Amino acid sequence: MKDNNEINTSRRDLLKGLTTAAVAGAVVAGTTKVATAAETVEIKPDVKKNGYRETQHVRDYYDSL
């Protein structure tokens, strides 16, 4: 029988580190979405009634490019 007086904690430390990194990544991703959603943009009224309309979601898409 093997005499193990010293406990190897490297596996536990690795799992703790991976969990901490995953939680930190989720927090950063969540705060990025909140900051983006809080921005306000003034909407100018469209002069044309027919054809292409540049609505807010289209402007948001162009800004993301």
C-alpha atoms as a PDB file:
ATOM      1  CA  MET A   1       0.000   0.000   0.000  1.00  0.00           C
ATOM      2  CA  LYS A   2       1.238   3.433  -0.887  1.00  0.00           C
ATOM      3  CA  ASP A   3       1.858   5.797   2.002  1.00  0.00           C
ATOM      4  CA  ASN A   4       0.408   9.203   0.939  1.00  0.00           C
ATOM      5  CA  ASN A   5       1.017  11.682   3.724  1.00  0.00           C
ATOM      6  CA  GLU A   6       1.223  14.654   1.386  1.00  0.00           C
ATOM      7  CA  ILE A   7      -1.931  15.578  -0.546  1.00  0.00           C
ATOM      8  CA  ASN A   8      -1.491  16.816  -4.104  1.00  0.00           C
ATOM      9  CA  THR A   9      -3.795  19.817  -4.616  1.00  0.00           C
ATOM     10  CA  SER A  10      -2.760  20.718  -8.161  1.00  0.00           C
ATOM     11  CA  ARG A  11      -5.907  19.198  -9.684  1.00  0.00           C
ATOM     12  CA  ARG A  12      -8.138  21.161  -7.310  1.00  0.00           C
ATOM     13  CA  ASP A  13      -6.221  24.364  -8.025  1.00  0.00           C
ATOM     14  CA  LEU A  14      -6.616  23.826 -11.767  1.00  0.00           C
ATOM     15  CA  LEU A  15     -10.381  23.320 -11.456  1.00  0.00           C
ATOM     16  CA  LYS A  16     -10.711  26.388  -9.228  1.00  0.00           C
ATOM     17  CA  GLY A  17      -8.753  28.460 -11.737  1.00  0.00           C
ATOM     18  CA  LEU A  18     -10.874  27.295 -14.680  1.00  0.00           C
ATOM     19  CA  THR A  19     -14.081  28.017 -12.785  1.00  0.00           C
ATOM     20  CA  THR A  20     -12.868  31.472 -11.802  1.00  0.00           C
ATOM     21  CA  ALA A  21     -11.904  32.244 -15.409  1.00  0.00           C
ATOM     22  CA  ALA A  22     -15.319  31.111 -16.688  1.00  0.00           C
ATOM     23  CA  VAL A  23     -17.171  33.244 -14.134  1.00  0.00           C
ATOM     24  CA  ALA A  24     -14.986  36.271 -14.867  1.00  0.00           C
ATOM     25  CA  GLY A  25     -15.598  35.842 -18.596  1.00  0.00           C
ATOM     26  CA  ALA A  26     -19.355  35.682 -18.066  1.00  0.00           C
ATOM     27  CA  VAL A  27     -19.294  38.830 -15.923  1.00  0.00           C
ATOM     28  CA  VAL A  28     -17.271  40.734 -18.520  1.00  0.00           C
ATOM     29  CA  ALA A  29     -19.596  39.599 -21.316  1.00  0.00           C
ATOM     30  CA  GLY A  30     -22.657  40.590 -19.279  1.00  0.00           C
ATOM     31  CA  THR A  31     -21.373  44.051 -18.455  1.00  0.00           C
ATOM     32  CA  THR A  32     -20.398  44.668 -22.076  1.00  0.00           C
ATOM     33  CA  LYS A  33     -23.938  43.950 -23.218  1.00  0.00           C
ATOM     34  CA  VAL A  34     -25.412  46.223 -20.538  1.00  0.00           C
ATOM     35  CA  ALA A  35     -23.117  49.111 -21.451  1.00  0.00           C
ATOM     36  CA  THR A  36     -24.027  48.789 -25.129  1.00  0.00           C
ATOM     37  CA  ALA A  37     -27.732  48.642 -24.402  1.00  0.00           C
ATOM     38  CA  ALA A  38     -27.573  51.818 -22.297  1.00  0.00           C
ATOM     39  CA  GLU A  39     -26.473  54.020 -25.205  1.00  0.00           C
ATOM     40  CA  THR A  40     -29.114  56.328 -26.635  1.00  0.00           C
ATOM     41  CA  VAL A  41     -29.151  57.597 -30.194  1.00  0.00           C
ATOM     42  CA  GLU A  42     -31.297  60.409 -31.501  1.00  0.00           C
ATOM     43  CA  ILE A  43     -33.589  59.226 -34.272  1.00  0.00           C
ATOM     44  CA  LYS A  44     -34.018  61.660 -37.136  1.00  0.00           C
ATOM     45  CA  PRO A  45     -37.383  61.524 -38.898  1.00  0.00           C
ATOM     46  CA  ASP A  46     -37.251  60.005 -42.381  1.00  0.00           C
ATOM     47  CA  VAL A  47     -38.224  62.386 -45.156  1.00  0.00           C
ATOM     48  CA  LYS A  48     -39.022  59.688 -47.708  1.00  0.00           C
ATOM     49  CA  LYS A  49     -42.083  57.527 -47.330  1.00  0.00           C
ATOM     50  CA  ASN A  50     -41.212  54.909 -49.969  1.00  0.00           C
ATOM     51  CA  GLY A  51     -38.113  52.812 -50.539  1.00  0.00           C
ATOM     52  CA  TYR A  52     -35.162  52.170 -48.258  1.00  0.00           C
ATOM     53  CA  ARG A  53     -35.578  53.251 -44.651  1.00  0.00           C
ATOM     54  CA  GLU A  54     -32.634  53.534 -42.333  1.00  0.00           C
ATOM     55  CA  THR A  55     -34.203  52.528 -39.040  1.00  0.00           C
ATOM     56  CA  GLN A  56     -32.491  52.308 -35.672  1.00  0.00           C
ATOM     57  CA  HIS A  57     -31.693  48.601 -35.881  1.00  0.00           C
ATOM     58  CA  VAL A  58     -30.115  49.148 -39.328  1.00  0.00           C
ATOM     59  CA  ARG A  59     -27.961  51.993 -37.907  1.00  0.00           C
ATOM     60  CA  ASP A  60     -26.927  49.739 -35.017  1.00  0.00           C
ATOM     61  CA  TYR A  61     -25.888  47.069 -37.496  1.00  0.00           C
ATOM     62  CA  TYR A  62     -23.826  49.553 -39.528  1.00  0.00           C
ATOM     63  CA  ASP A  63     -22.163  50.812 -36.335  1.00  0.00           C
ATOM     64  CA  SER A  64     -21.173  47.264 -35.400  1.00  0.00           C
ATOM     65  CA  LEU A  65     -19.223  46.766 -38.655  1.00  0.00           C
END
